[in-house]
Protein backbone atom coordinates (compact mmCIF):
# COMPACT_ATOMS: atom_id res chain seq x y z
CA UNK A 1 0.00 0.00 0.00
CA UNK A 2 1.22 3.50 -0.79
CA UNK A 3 2.75 5.78 1.85
CA UNK A 4 -0.31 7.99 1.41
CA UNK A 5 -3.35 5.70 1.10
CA UNK A 6 -5.94 6.75 -1.44
CA UNK A 7 -9.61 6.77 -0.49
CA UNK A 8 -12.41 6.69 -3.07
CA UNK A 9 -15.65 8.35 -1.89
CA UNK A 10 -18.77 7.48 -3.88
CA UNK A 11 -21.44 9.83 -2.54
CA UNK A 12 -24.14 11.77 -4.38
CA UNK A 13 -24.65 14.53 -1.81
CA UNK A 14 -22.15 17.30 -2.76
CA UNK A 15 -21.94 18.89 0.70
CA UNK A 16 -21.36 15.58 2.47
CA UNK A 17 -18.72 14.62 -0.07
CA UNK A 18 -17.00 18.00 0.26
CA UNK A 19 -16.84 17.80 4.06
CA UNK A 20 -15.69 14.19 4.07
CA UNK A 21 -13.01 14.91 1.47
CA UNK A 22 -11.74 17.83 3.55
CA UNK A 23 -11.47 15.75 6.74
CA UNK A 24 -9.73 12.87 4.98
CA UNK A 25 -7.25 15.15 3.21
CA UNK A 26 -6.41 16.89 6.48
CA UNK A 27 -5.81 13.43 7.95
CA UNK A 28 -3.21 12.81 5.25
CA UNK A 29 -5.15 10.69 2.75
CA UNK A 30 -5.33 11.10 -0.99
CA UNK A 31 -8.98 11.34 -2.07
CA UNK A 32 -10.83 10.41 -5.25
CA UNK A 33 -14.56 11.02 -5.58
CA UNK A 34 -17.61 10.31 -7.66
CA UNK A 35 -21.26 11.34 -7.43
CA UNK A 36 -22.58 8.30 -9.35
CA UNK A 37 -22.35 4.59 -8.71
CA UNK A 38 -21.44 3.61 -12.26
CA UNK A 39 -18.78 6.33 -12.53
CA UNK A 40 -17.44 5.38 -9.10
CA UNK A 41 -17.05 1.77 -10.19
CA UNK A 42 -15.06 2.87 -13.26
CA UNK A 43 -12.85 5.06 -11.05
CA UNK A 44 -12.22 2.09 -8.75
CA UNK A 45 -11.30 -0.12 -11.72
CA UNK A 46 -8.92 2.47 -13.17
CA UNK A 47 -7.32 3.89 -10.02
CA UNK A 48 -7.40 0.92 -7.60
CA UNK A 49 -7.73 2.97 -4.38
CA UNK A 50 -6.78 1.54 -1.00
CA UNK A 51 -10.30 1.85 0.43
CA UNK A 52 -13.80 2.75 -0.78
CA UNK A 53 -16.37 4.78 1.15
CA UNK A 54 -19.64 3.91 -0.54
CA UNK A 55 -23.10 5.41 -0.17
CA UNK A 56 -25.99 3.01 -0.78
CA UNK A 57 -28.44 5.38 -2.49
CA UNK A 58 -26.70 6.43 -5.69
CA UNK A 59 -27.73 7.45 -9.21
CA UNK A 60 -26.46 5.37 -12.11
CA UNK A 61 -25.87 2.24 -10.03
CA UNK A 62 -27.05 1.37 -6.55
CA UNK A 63 -24.37 1.10 -3.88
CA UNK A 64 -25.12 -2.58 -3.33
CA UNK A 65 -24.48 -3.25 -7.02
CA UNK A 66 -21.24 -1.28 -6.85
CA UNK A 67 -20.12 -3.39 -3.88
CA UNK A 68 -21.12 -6.57 -5.68
CA UNK A 69 -19.01 -5.62 -8.71
CA UNK A 70 -16.01 -4.63 -6.61
CA UNK A 71 -16.11 -7.96 -4.80
CA UNK A 72 -16.25 -9.87 -8.08
CA UNK A 73 -12.96 -8.28 -9.09
CA UNK A 74 -11.05 -7.53 -5.89
CA UNK A 75 -10.82 -7.30 -2.12
CA UNK A 76 -10.55 -3.53 -1.62
CA UNK A 77 -11.87 -2.64 1.86
CA UNK A 78 -15.35 -1.10 1.74
CA UNK A 79 -17.10 1.12 4.28
CA UNK A 80 -20.77 1.65 3.47
CA UNK A 81 -22.62 4.86 4.32
CA UNK A 82 -26.35 4.42 4.64
CA UNK A 83 -29.42 6.35 5.73
CA UNK A 84 -31.40 3.13 5.43
CA UNK A 85 -32.47 1.92 8.84
CA UNK A 86 -33.75 -1.40 7.53
CA UNK A 87 -31.60 -4.12 9.07
CA UNK A 88 -31.98 -6.20 5.91
CA UNK A 89 -30.23 -3.60 3.73
CA UNK A 90 -27.32 -3.42 6.14
CA UNK A 91 -26.92 -7.19 6.32
CA UNK A 92 -27.12 -7.50 2.53
CA UNK A 93 -24.26 -5.00 2.28
CA UNK A 94 -22.17 -7.02 4.71
CA UNK A 95 -22.98 -10.27 2.93
CA UNK A 96 -21.79 -8.69 -0.32
CA UNK A 97 -18.43 -8.15 1.33
CA UNK A 98 -18.52 -4.71 2.96
CA UNK A 99 -16.14 -4.55 5.92
CA UNK A 100 -17.99 -1.91 7.88
CA UNK A 101 -20.95 0.44 7.63
CA UNK A 102 -21.80 3.79 9.16
CA UNK A 103 -25.31 5.15 9.61
CA UNK A 104 -26.20 8.67 8.51
CA UNK A 105 -26.05 11.25 9.99
CA UNK A 106 -22.47 10.67 11.04
CA UNK A 107 -19.49 12.61 12.35
CA UNK A 108 -16.72 13.01 9.74
CA UNK A 109 -14.23 12.38 12.55
CA UNK A 110 -15.83 8.99 13.15
CA UNK A 111 -15.50 8.15 9.46
CA UNK A 112 -11.80 9.09 9.51
CA UNK A 113 -11.28 6.95 12.63
CA UNK A 114 -12.99 3.98 11.00
CA UNK A 115 -10.93 4.43 7.83
CA UNK A 116 -7.73 4.41 9.86
CA UNK A 117 -8.86 1.37 11.83
CA UNK A 118 -9.74 -0.61 8.72
CA UNK A 119 -6.51 0.32 6.95
CA UNK A 120 -4.53 -0.74 10.03
CA UNK A 121 -6.16 -4.13 9.85
CA UNK A 122 -5.28 -4.39 6.17
CA UNK A 123 -1.68 -3.27 6.55
CA UNK A 124 -0.86 -4.70 9.98
CA UNK A 125 2.30 -6.73 9.87
CA UNK A 126 3.25 -9.54 12.23
CA UNK A 127 6.82 -10.95 12.28
CA UNK A 128 7.91 -12.18 8.86
CA UNK A 129 7.36 -15.88 8.32
CA UNK A 130 4.46 -16.22 10.74
CA UNK A 131 2.25 -18.85 9.12
CA UNK A 132 -0.59 -20.67 10.84
CA UNK A 133 -1.46 -24.18 9.65
CA UNK A 134 -4.79 -25.48 10.86
CA UNK A 135 -6.30 -28.60 9.27
CA UNK A 136 -5.79 -28.06 5.52
CA UNK A 137 -5.67 -24.27 5.84
CA UNK A 138 -2.49 -22.22 5.60
CA UNK A 139 -2.84 -18.67 6.91
CA UNK A 140 0.03 -16.27 6.24
CA UNK A 141 -0.28 -13.57 8.89
CA UNK A 142 2.25 -11.27 7.24
CA UNK A 143 0.99 -11.49 3.68
CA UNK A 144 -2.69 -11.69 4.72
CA UNK A 145 -3.27 -14.69 2.48
CA UNK A 146 -5.12 -17.96 2.97
CA UNK A 147 -4.69 -21.27 1.18
CA UNK A 148 -7.08 -24.21 1.44
CA UNK A 149 -5.52 -27.41 0.12
CA UNK A 150 -2.93 -25.10 -1.54
CA UNK A 151 -5.65 -23.17 -3.38
CA UNK A 152 -5.81 -19.40 -2.67
CA UNK A 153 -8.94 -18.16 -0.88
CA UNK A 154 -9.78 -14.47 -1.31
CA UNK A 155 -11.01 -12.92 1.95
CA UNK A 156 -11.91 -9.37 2.91
CA UNK A 157 -9.89 -7.82 5.77
CA UNK A 158 -12.71 -8.46 8.24
CA UNK A 159 -13.15 -12.07 7.13
CA UNK A 160 -9.39 -12.63 7.44
CA UNK A 161 -9.33 -11.17 10.96
CA UNK A 162 -12.25 -13.32 12.08
CA UNK A 163 -10.60 -16.44 10.71
CA UNK A 164 -7.32 -15.65 12.48
CA UNK A 165 -9.14 -14.97 15.75
CA UNK A 166 -10.97 -18.30 15.68
CA UNK A 167 -8.13 -20.46 14.35
CA UNK A 168 -5.78 -19.08 16.99
CA UNK A 169 -7.81 -21.01 19.57
CA UNK A 170 -9.47 -24.02 17.90
CA UNK A 171 -12.34 -25.40 19.93
CA UNK A 172 -12.95 -22.18 21.85
CA UNK A 173 -16.44 -20.74 21.51
CA UNK A 174 -16.45 -17.01 20.74
CA UNK A 175 -19.60 -15.00 21.31
CA UNK A 176 -20.75 -12.67 18.54
CA UNK A 177 -19.86 -9.70 20.71
CA UNK A 178 -16.33 -11.00 21.30
CA UNK A 179 -15.80 -11.50 17.57
CA UNK A 180 -17.29 -8.09 16.79
CA UNK A 181 -15.05 -6.29 19.28
CA UNK A 182 -11.94 -8.18 18.20
CA UNK A 183 -12.52 -7.65 14.49
CA UNK A 184 -13.18 -3.93 15.01
CA UNK A 185 -10.12 -3.42 17.26
CA UNK A 186 -12.31 -2.23 20.11
CA UNK A 187 -13.66 0.75 18.14
CA UNK A 188 -17.20 1.74 19.16
CA UNK A 189 -19.39 0.21 16.48
CA UNK A 190 -22.81 1.36 15.39
CA UNK A 191 -23.69 -2.12 14.21
CA UNK A 192 -24.93 -5.05 16.15
CA UNK A 193 -23.82 -8.56 16.83
CA UNK A 194 -25.80 -9.99 13.92
CA UNK A 195 -23.30 -8.43 11.51
CA UNK A 196 -20.96 -11.24 12.55
CA UNK A 197 -23.48 -13.75 11.16
CA UNK A 198 -23.14 -12.14 7.74
CA UNK A 199 -19.33 -12.31 7.83
CA UNK A 200 -19.39 -15.93 9.04
CA UNK A 201 -21.79 -16.79 6.21
CA UNK A 202 -19.29 -15.29 3.75
CA UNK A 203 -16.39 -17.18 5.33
CA UNK A 204 -18.24 -20.46 5.08
CA UNK A 205 -19.15 -19.86 1.45
CA UNK A 206 -15.44 -19.44 0.67
CA UNK A 207 -13.97 -22.13 2.94
CA UNK A 208 -16.47 -24.92 3.39
CA UNK A 209 -16.64 -27.72 0.78
CA UNK A 210 -20.24 -28.33 1.93
CA UNK A 211 -21.92 -25.28 3.47
CA UNK A 212 -24.78 -27.42 4.79
CA UNK A 213 -22.30 -29.47 6.81
CA UNK A 214 -19.65 -27.01 8.00
CA UNK A 215 -16.28 -28.62 8.53
CA UNK A 216 -14.34 -25.67 9.90
CA UNK A 217 -16.66 -23.14 11.54
CA UNK A 218 -19.31 -24.52 13.84
CA UNK A 219 -22.33 -22.67 15.21
CA UNK A 220 -22.88 -23.07 18.93
CA UNK A 221 -26.54 -22.14 19.22
CA UNK A 222 -27.31 -19.43 21.72
CA UNK A 223 -23.61 -18.66 22.20
CA UNK A 224 -21.63 -17.97 19.02
CA UNK A 225 -19.07 -19.71 16.81
CA UNK A 226 -15.94 -21.81 17.06
CA UNK A 227 -13.33 -23.19 14.73
CA UNK A 228 -13.52 -26.95 15.09
CA UNK A 229 -10.51 -28.53 16.77
CA UNK A 230 -9.18 -31.19 14.39
CA UNK A 231 -6.93 -34.03 15.46
C-alpha atoms as a PDB file:
ATOM      1  CA  UNK A   1       0.000   0.000   0.000  1.00  0.00           C
ATOM      2  CA  UNK A   2       1.217   3.504  -0.794  1.00  0.00           C
ATOM      3  CA  UNK A   3       2.754   5.782   1.846  1.00  0.00           C
ATOM      4  CA  UNK A   4      -0.306   7.988   1.406  1.00  0.00           C
ATOM      5  CA  UNK A   5      -3.347   5.704   1.103  1.00  0.00           C
ATOM      6  CA  UNK A   6      -5.944   6.755  -1.436  1.00  0.00           C
ATOM      7  CA  UNK A   7      -9.609   6.765  -0.488  1.00  0.00           C
ATOM      8  CA  UNK A   8     -12.410   6.692  -3.065  1.00  0.00           C
ATOM      9  CA  UNK A   9     -15.645   8.347  -1.886  1.00  0.00           C
ATOM     10  CA  UNK A  10     -18.770   7.479  -3.880  1.00  0.00           C
ATOM     11  CA  UNK A  11     -21.442   9.835  -2.543  1.00  0.00           C
ATOM     12  CA  UNK A  12     -24.141  11.767  -4.384  1.00  0.00           C
ATOM     13  CA  UNK A  13     -24.646  14.532  -1.808  1.00  0.00           C
ATOM     14  CA  UNK A  14     -22.151  17.301  -2.758  1.00  0.00           C
ATOM     15  CA  UNK A  15     -21.942  18.892   0.700  1.00  0.00           C
ATOM     16  CA  UNK A  16     -21.359  15.582   2.469  1.00  0.00           C
ATOM     17  CA  UNK A  17     -18.724  14.617  -0.072  1.00  0.00           C
ATOM     18  CA  UNK A  18     -16.998  18.004   0.257  1.00  0.00           C
ATOM     19  CA  UNK A  19     -16.844  17.798   4.062  1.00  0.00           C
ATOM     20  CA  UNK A  20     -15.689  14.188   4.075  1.00  0.00           C
ATOM     21  CA  UNK A  21     -13.011  14.912   1.469  1.00  0.00           C
ATOM     22  CA  UNK A  22     -11.741  17.833   3.554  1.00  0.00           C
ATOM     23  CA  UNK A  23     -11.467  15.751   6.738  1.00  0.00           C
ATOM     24  CA  UNK A  24      -9.729  12.866   4.975  1.00  0.00           C
ATOM     25  CA  UNK A  25      -7.247  15.152   3.206  1.00  0.00           C
ATOM     26  CA  UNK A  26      -6.413  16.893   6.476  1.00  0.00           C
ATOM     27  CA  UNK A  27      -5.809  13.427   7.950  1.00  0.00           C
ATOM     28  CA  UNK A  28      -3.212  12.807   5.250  1.00  0.00           C
ATOM     29  CA  UNK A  29      -5.148  10.694   2.753  1.00  0.00           C
ATOM     30  CA  UNK A  30      -5.326  11.104  -0.993  1.00  0.00           C
ATOM     31  CA  UNK A  31      -8.983  11.343  -2.073  1.00  0.00           C
ATOM     32  CA  UNK A  32     -10.834  10.409  -5.252  1.00  0.00           C
ATOM     33  CA  UNK A  33     -14.555  11.020  -5.576  1.00  0.00           C
ATOM     34  CA  UNK A  34     -17.613  10.306  -7.665  1.00  0.00           C
ATOM     35  CA  UNK A  35     -21.259  11.338  -7.428  1.00  0.00           C
ATOM     36  CA  UNK A  36     -22.581   8.300  -9.349  1.00  0.00           C
ATOM     37  CA  UNK A  37     -22.354   4.594  -8.707  1.00  0.00           C
ATOM     38  CA  UNK A  38     -21.439   3.611 -12.262  1.00  0.00           C
ATOM     39  CA  UNK A  39     -18.780   6.331 -12.530  1.00  0.00           C
ATOM     40  CA  UNK A  40     -17.445   5.385  -9.103  1.00  0.00           C
ATOM     41  CA  UNK A  41     -17.047   1.766 -10.192  1.00  0.00           C
ATOM     42  CA  UNK A  42     -15.061   2.873 -13.258  1.00  0.00           C
ATOM     43  CA  UNK A  43     -12.847   5.064 -11.053  1.00  0.00           C
ATOM     44  CA  UNK A  44     -12.218   2.092  -8.750  1.00  0.00           C
ATOM     45  CA  UNK A  45     -11.300  -0.117 -11.719  1.00  0.00           C
ATOM     46  CA  UNK A  46      -8.923   2.473 -13.172  1.00  0.00           C
ATOM     47  CA  UNK A  47      -7.322   3.891 -10.016  1.00  0.00           C
ATOM     48  CA  UNK A  48      -7.396   0.916  -7.597  1.00  0.00           C
ATOM     49  CA  UNK A  49      -7.728   2.967  -4.380  1.00  0.00           C
ATOM     50  CA  UNK A  50      -6.778   1.540  -1.004  1.00  0.00           C
ATOM     51  CA  UNK A  51     -10.295   1.853   0.429  1.00  0.00           C
ATOM     52  CA  UNK A  52     -13.798   2.749  -0.783  1.00  0.00           C
ATOM     53  CA  UNK A  53     -16.366   4.776   1.150  1.00  0.00           C
ATOM     54  CA  UNK A  54     -19.637   3.906  -0.538  1.00  0.00           C
ATOM     55  CA  UNK A  55     -23.102   5.407  -0.170  1.00  0.00           C
ATOM     56  CA  UNK A  56     -25.991   3.011  -0.779  1.00  0.00           C
ATOM     57  CA  UNK A  57     -28.438   5.381  -2.492  1.00  0.00           C
ATOM     58  CA  UNK A  58     -26.696   6.435  -5.686  1.00  0.00           C
ATOM     59  CA  UNK A  59     -27.730   7.447  -9.211  1.00  0.00           C
ATOM     60  CA  UNK A  60     -26.456   5.371 -12.113  1.00  0.00           C
ATOM     61  CA  UNK A  61     -25.870   2.243 -10.034  1.00  0.00           C
ATOM     62  CA  UNK A  62     -27.052   1.367  -6.552  1.00  0.00           C
ATOM     63  CA  UNK A  63     -24.371   1.097  -3.876  1.00  0.00           C
ATOM     64  CA  UNK A  64     -25.119  -2.583  -3.331  1.00  0.00           C
ATOM     65  CA  UNK A  65     -24.482  -3.250  -7.020  1.00  0.00           C
ATOM     66  CA  UNK A  66     -21.237  -1.277  -6.849  1.00  0.00           C
ATOM     67  CA  UNK A  67     -20.116  -3.387  -3.881  1.00  0.00           C
ATOM     68  CA  UNK A  68     -21.119  -6.575  -5.682  1.00  0.00           C
ATOM     69  CA  UNK A  69     -19.014  -5.624  -8.708  1.00  0.00           C
ATOM     70  CA  UNK A  70     -16.006  -4.630  -6.606  1.00  0.00           C
ATOM     71  CA  UNK A  71     -16.109  -7.957  -4.795  1.00  0.00           C
ATOM     72  CA  UNK A  72     -16.246  -9.866  -8.076  1.00  0.00           C
ATOM     73  CA  UNK A  73     -12.959  -8.275  -9.092  1.00  0.00           C
ATOM     74  CA  UNK A  74     -11.046  -7.528  -5.894  1.00  0.00           C
ATOM     75  CA  UNK A  75     -10.822  -7.302  -2.119  1.00  0.00           C
ATOM     76  CA  UNK A  76     -10.552  -3.529  -1.616  1.00  0.00           C
ATOM     77  CA  UNK A  77     -11.868  -2.644   1.865  1.00  0.00           C
ATOM     78  CA  UNK A  78     -15.351  -1.102   1.737  1.00  0.00           C
ATOM     79  CA  UNK A  79     -17.102   1.116   4.278  1.00  0.00           C
ATOM     80  CA  UNK A  80     -20.765   1.654   3.471  1.00  0.00           C
ATOM     81  CA  UNK A  81     -22.618   4.856   4.317  1.00  0.00           C
ATOM     82  CA  UNK A  82     -26.348   4.417   4.641  1.00  0.00           C
ATOM     83  CA  UNK A  83     -29.418   6.347   5.730  1.00  0.00           C
ATOM     84  CA  UNK A  84     -31.401   3.133   5.432  1.00  0.00           C
ATOM     85  CA  UNK A  85     -32.469   1.923   8.843  1.00  0.00           C
ATOM     86  CA  UNK A  86     -33.749  -1.396   7.528  1.00  0.00           C
ATOM     87  CA  UNK A  87     -31.597  -4.116   9.067  1.00  0.00           C
ATOM     88  CA  UNK A  88     -31.982  -6.205   5.907  1.00  0.00           C
ATOM     89  CA  UNK A  89     -30.234  -3.601   3.730  1.00  0.00           C
ATOM     90  CA  UNK A  90     -27.321  -3.423   6.138  1.00  0.00           C
ATOM     91  CA  UNK A  91     -26.924  -7.192   6.316  1.00  0.00           C
ATOM     92  CA  UNK A  92     -27.116  -7.499   2.525  1.00  0.00           C
ATOM     93  CA  UNK A  93     -24.261  -5.004   2.280  1.00  0.00           C
ATOM     94  CA  UNK A  94     -22.167  -7.021   4.707  1.00  0.00           C
ATOM     95  CA  UNK A  95     -22.976 -10.271   2.928  1.00  0.00           C
ATOM     96  CA  UNK A  96     -21.791  -8.695  -0.324  1.00  0.00           C
ATOM     97  CA  UNK A  97     -18.427  -8.155   1.330  1.00  0.00           C
ATOM     98  CA  UNK A  98     -18.517  -4.710   2.955  1.00  0.00           C
ATOM     99  CA  UNK A  99     -16.135  -4.553   5.920  1.00  0.00           C
ATOM    100  CA  UNK A 100     -17.986  -1.907   7.880  1.00  0.00           C
ATOM    101  CA  UNK A 101     -20.945   0.443   7.631  1.00  0.00           C
ATOM    102  CA  UNK A 102     -21.798   3.792   9.158  1.00  0.00           C
ATOM    103  CA  UNK A 103     -25.308   5.147   9.609  1.00  0.00           C
ATOM    104  CA  UNK A 104     -26.202   8.668   8.514  1.00  0.00           C
ATOM    105  CA  UNK A 105     -26.052  11.250   9.986  1.00  0.00           C
ATOM    106  CA  UNK A 106     -22.474  10.672  11.040  1.00  0.00           C
ATOM    107  CA  UNK A 107     -19.495  12.612  12.350  1.00  0.00           C
ATOM    108  CA  UNK A 108     -16.721  13.013   9.736  1.00  0.00           C
ATOM    109  CA  UNK A 109     -14.232  12.384  12.555  1.00  0.00           C
ATOM    110  CA  UNK A 110     -15.833   8.990  13.153  1.00  0.00           C
ATOM    111  CA  UNK A 111     -15.500   8.148   9.462  1.00  0.00           C
ATOM    112  CA  UNK A 112     -11.802   9.095   9.515  1.00  0.00           C
ATOM    113  CA  UNK A 113     -11.277   6.948  12.628  1.00  0.00           C
ATOM    114  CA  UNK A 114     -12.986   3.978  11.004  1.00  0.00           C
ATOM    115  CA  UNK A 115     -10.931   4.431   7.826  1.00  0.00           C
ATOM    116  CA  UNK A 116      -7.733   4.414   9.864  1.00  0.00           C
ATOM    117  CA  UNK A 117      -8.863   1.368  11.829  1.00  0.00           C
ATOM    118  CA  UNK A 118      -9.741  -0.608   8.719  1.00  0.00           C
ATOM    119  CA  UNK A 119      -6.506   0.319   6.953  1.00  0.00           C
ATOM    120  CA  UNK A 120      -4.530  -0.735  10.032  1.00  0.00           C
ATOM    121  CA  UNK A 121      -6.165  -4.130   9.848  1.00  0.00           C
ATOM    122  CA  UNK A 122      -5.277  -4.390   6.166  1.00  0.00           C
ATOM    123  CA  UNK A 123      -1.676  -3.273   6.553  1.00  0.00           C
ATOM    124  CA  UNK A 124      -0.865  -4.699   9.984  1.00  0.00           C
ATOM    125  CA  UNK A 125       2.297  -6.733   9.871  1.00  0.00           C
ATOM    126  CA  UNK A 126       3.254  -9.544  12.228  1.00  0.00           C
ATOM    127  CA  UNK A 127       6.823 -10.949  12.282  1.00  0.00           C
ATOM    128  CA  UNK A 128       7.913 -12.184   8.864  1.00  0.00           C
ATOM    129  CA  UNK A 129       7.361 -15.879   8.320  1.00  0.00           C
ATOM    130  CA  UNK A 130       4.456 -16.219  10.738  1.00  0.00           C
ATOM    131  CA  UNK A 131       2.252 -18.846   9.118  1.00  0.00           C
ATOM    132  CA  UNK A 132      -0.588 -20.669  10.837  1.00  0.00           C
ATOM    133  CA  UNK A 133      -1.458 -24.178   9.651  1.00  0.00           C
ATOM    134  CA  UNK A 134      -4.789 -25.480  10.855  1.00  0.00           C
ATOM    135  CA  UNK A 135      -6.295 -28.596   9.267  1.00  0.00           C
ATOM    136  CA  UNK A 136      -5.788 -28.061   5.515  1.00  0.00           C
ATOM    137  CA  UNK A 137      -5.671 -24.269   5.843  1.00  0.00           C
ATOM    138  CA  UNK A 138      -2.487 -22.221   5.599  1.00  0.00           C
ATOM    139  CA  UNK A 139      -2.837 -18.669   6.912  1.00  0.00           C
ATOM    140  CA  UNK A 140       0.028 -16.271   6.243  1.00  0.00           C
ATOM    141  CA  UNK A 141      -0.275 -13.570   8.894  1.00  0.00           C
ATOM    142  CA  UNK A 142       2.252 -11.271   7.244  1.00  0.00           C
ATOM    143  CA  UNK A 143       0.988 -11.488   3.685  1.00  0.00           C
ATOM    144  CA  UNK A 144      -2.688 -11.686   4.721  1.00  0.00           C
ATOM    145  CA  UNK A 145      -3.273 -14.693   2.482  1.00  0.00           C
ATOM    146  CA  UNK A 146      -5.116 -17.964   2.974  1.00  0.00           C
ATOM    147  CA  UNK A 147      -4.690 -21.273   1.176  1.00  0.00           C
ATOM    148  CA  UNK A 148      -7.076 -24.208   1.436  1.00  0.00           C
ATOM    149  CA  UNK A 149      -5.519 -27.406   0.120  1.00  0.00           C
ATOM    150  CA  UNK A 150      -2.929 -25.102  -1.541  1.00  0.00           C
ATOM    151  CA  UNK A 151      -5.645 -23.171  -3.376  1.00  0.00           C
ATOM    152  CA  UNK A 152      -5.815 -19.399  -2.667  1.00  0.00           C
ATOM    153  CA  UNK A 153      -8.937 -18.163  -0.884  1.00  0.00           C
ATOM    154  CA  UNK A 154      -9.778 -14.473  -1.314  1.00  0.00           C
ATOM    155  CA  UNK A 155     -11.006 -12.917   1.947  1.00  0.00           C
ATOM    156  CA  UNK A 156     -11.909  -9.375   2.907  1.00  0.00           C
ATOM    157  CA  UNK A 157      -9.888  -7.824   5.766  1.00  0.00           C
ATOM    158  CA  UNK A 158     -12.710  -8.462   8.241  1.00  0.00           C
ATOM    159  CA  UNK A 159     -13.146 -12.071   7.133  1.00  0.00           C
ATOM    160  CA  UNK A 160      -9.394 -12.632   7.443  1.00  0.00           C
ATOM    161  CA  UNK A 161      -9.330 -11.167  10.957  1.00  0.00           C
ATOM    162  CA  UNK A 162     -12.253 -13.316  12.079  1.00  0.00           C
ATOM    163  CA  UNK A 163     -10.596 -16.437  10.709  1.00  0.00           C
ATOM    164  CA  UNK A 164      -7.318 -15.645  12.482  1.00  0.00           C
ATOM    165  CA  UNK A 165      -9.139 -14.966  15.755  1.00  0.00           C
ATOM    166  CA  UNK A 166     -10.973 -18.299  15.684  1.00  0.00           C
ATOM    167  CA  UNK A 167      -8.125 -20.459  14.355  1.00  0.00           C
ATOM    168  CA  UNK A 168      -5.775 -19.079  16.987  1.00  0.00           C
ATOM    169  CA  UNK A 169      -7.808 -21.010  19.570  1.00  0.00           C
ATOM    170  CA  UNK A 170      -9.474 -24.024  17.900  1.00  0.00           C
ATOM    171  CA  UNK A 171     -12.339 -25.403  19.927  1.00  0.00           C
ATOM    172  CA  UNK A 172     -12.950 -22.182  21.853  1.00  0.00           C
ATOM    173  CA  UNK A 173     -16.436 -20.740  21.515  1.00  0.00           C
ATOM    174  CA  UNK A 174     -16.453 -17.012  20.738  1.00  0.00           C
ATOM    175  CA  UNK A 175     -19.603 -14.995  21.313  1.00  0.00           C
ATOM    176  CA  UNK A 176     -20.747 -12.670  18.539  1.00  0.00           C
ATOM    177  CA  UNK A 177     -19.864  -9.696  20.710  1.00  0.00           C
ATOM    178  CA  UNK A 178     -16.327 -11.002  21.301  1.00  0.00           C
ATOM    179  CA  UNK A 179     -15.801 -11.496  17.571  1.00  0.00           C
ATOM    180  CA  UNK A 180     -17.288  -8.091  16.791  1.00  0.00           C
ATOM    181  CA  UNK A 181     -15.049  -6.294  19.283  1.00  0.00           C
ATOM    182  CA  UNK A 182     -11.939  -8.184  18.203  1.00  0.00           C
ATOM    183  CA  UNK A 183     -12.516  -7.652  14.489  1.00  0.00           C
ATOM    184  CA  UNK A 184     -13.180  -3.929  15.015  1.00  0.00           C
ATOM    185  CA  UNK A 185     -10.116  -3.425  17.258  1.00  0.00           C
ATOM    186  CA  UNK A 186     -12.312  -2.230  20.111  1.00  0.00           C
ATOM    187  CA  UNK A 187     -13.659   0.754  18.140  1.00  0.00           C
ATOM    188  CA  UNK A 188     -17.200   1.737  19.160  1.00  0.00           C
ATOM    189  CA  UNK A 189     -19.387   0.210  16.480  1.00  0.00           C
ATOM    190  CA  UNK A 190     -22.814   1.356  15.387  1.00  0.00           C
ATOM    191  CA  UNK A 191     -23.691  -2.117  14.207  1.00  0.00           C
ATOM    192  CA  UNK A 192     -24.927  -5.048  16.153  1.00  0.00           C
ATOM    193  CA  UNK A 193     -23.820  -8.555  16.830  1.00  0.00           C
ATOM    194  CA  UNK A 194     -25.796  -9.985  13.916  1.00  0.00           C
ATOM    195  CA  UNK A 195     -23.297  -8.428  11.515  1.00  0.00           C
ATOM    196  CA  UNK A 196     -20.960 -11.243  12.550  1.00  0.00           C
ATOM    197  CA  UNK A 197     -23.475 -13.747  11.163  1.00  0.00           C
ATOM    198  CA  UNK A 198     -23.137 -12.139   7.736  1.00  0.00           C
ATOM    199  CA  UNK A 199     -19.325 -12.306   7.833  1.00  0.00           C
ATOM    200  CA  UNK A 200     -19.394 -15.932   9.040  1.00  0.00           C
ATOM    201  CA  UNK A 201     -21.787 -16.788   6.212  1.00  0.00           C
ATOM    202  CA  UNK A 202     -19.295 -15.295   3.746  1.00  0.00           C
ATOM    203  CA  UNK A 203     -16.385 -17.180   5.331  1.00  0.00           C
ATOM    204  CA  UNK A 204     -18.244 -20.461   5.081  1.00  0.00           C
ATOM    205  CA  UNK A 205     -19.149 -19.859   1.452  1.00  0.00           C
ATOM    206  CA  UNK A 206     -15.437 -19.445   0.672  1.00  0.00           C
ATOM    207  CA  UNK A 207     -13.965 -22.127   2.943  1.00  0.00           C
ATOM    208  CA  UNK A 208     -16.472 -24.919   3.391  1.00  0.00           C
ATOM    209  CA  UNK A 209     -16.642 -27.717   0.778  1.00  0.00           C
ATOM    210  CA  UNK A 210     -20.237 -28.332   1.928  1.00  0.00           C
ATOM    211  CA  UNK A 211     -21.921 -25.278   3.466  1.00  0.00           C
ATOM    212  CA  UNK A 212     -24.783 -27.423   4.792  1.00  0.00           C
ATOM    213  CA  UNK A 213     -22.303 -29.475   6.806  1.00  0.00           C
ATOM    214  CA  UNK A 214     -19.654 -27.008   7.999  1.00  0.00           C
ATOM    215  CA  UNK A 215     -16.280 -28.622   8.526  1.00  0.00           C
ATOM    216  CA  UNK A 216     -14.344 -25.669   9.896  1.00  0.00           C
ATOM    217  CA  UNK A 217     -16.657 -23.137  11.537  1.00  0.00           C
ATOM    218  CA  UNK A 218     -19.305 -24.519  13.843  1.00  0.00           C
ATOM    219  CA  UNK A 219     -22.329 -22.673  15.215  1.00  0.00           C
ATOM    220  CA  UNK A 220     -22.878 -23.069  18.928  1.00  0.00           C
ATOM    221  CA  UNK A 221     -26.544 -22.135  19.224  1.00  0.00           C
ATOM    222  CA  UNK A 222     -27.305 -19.432  21.721  1.00  0.00           C
ATOM    223  CA  UNK A 223     -23.613 -18.664  22.198  1.00  0.00           C
ATOM    224  CA  UNK A 224     -21.635 -17.968  19.016  1.00  0.00           C
ATOM    225  CA  UNK A 225     -19.073 -19.709  16.807  1.00  0.00           C
ATOM    226  CA  UNK A 226     -15.942 -21.810  17.065  1.00  0.00           C
ATOM    227  CA  UNK A 227     -13.328 -23.186  14.735  1.00  0.00           C
ATOM    228  CA  UNK A 228     -13.519 -26.949  15.093  1.00  0.00           C
ATOM    229  CA  UNK A 229     -10.512 -28.533  16.765  1.00  0.00           C
ATOM    230  CA  UNK A 230      -9.184 -31.193  14.391  1.00  0.00           C
ATOM    231  CA  UNK A 231      -6.929 -34.032  15.457  1.00  0.00           C
END
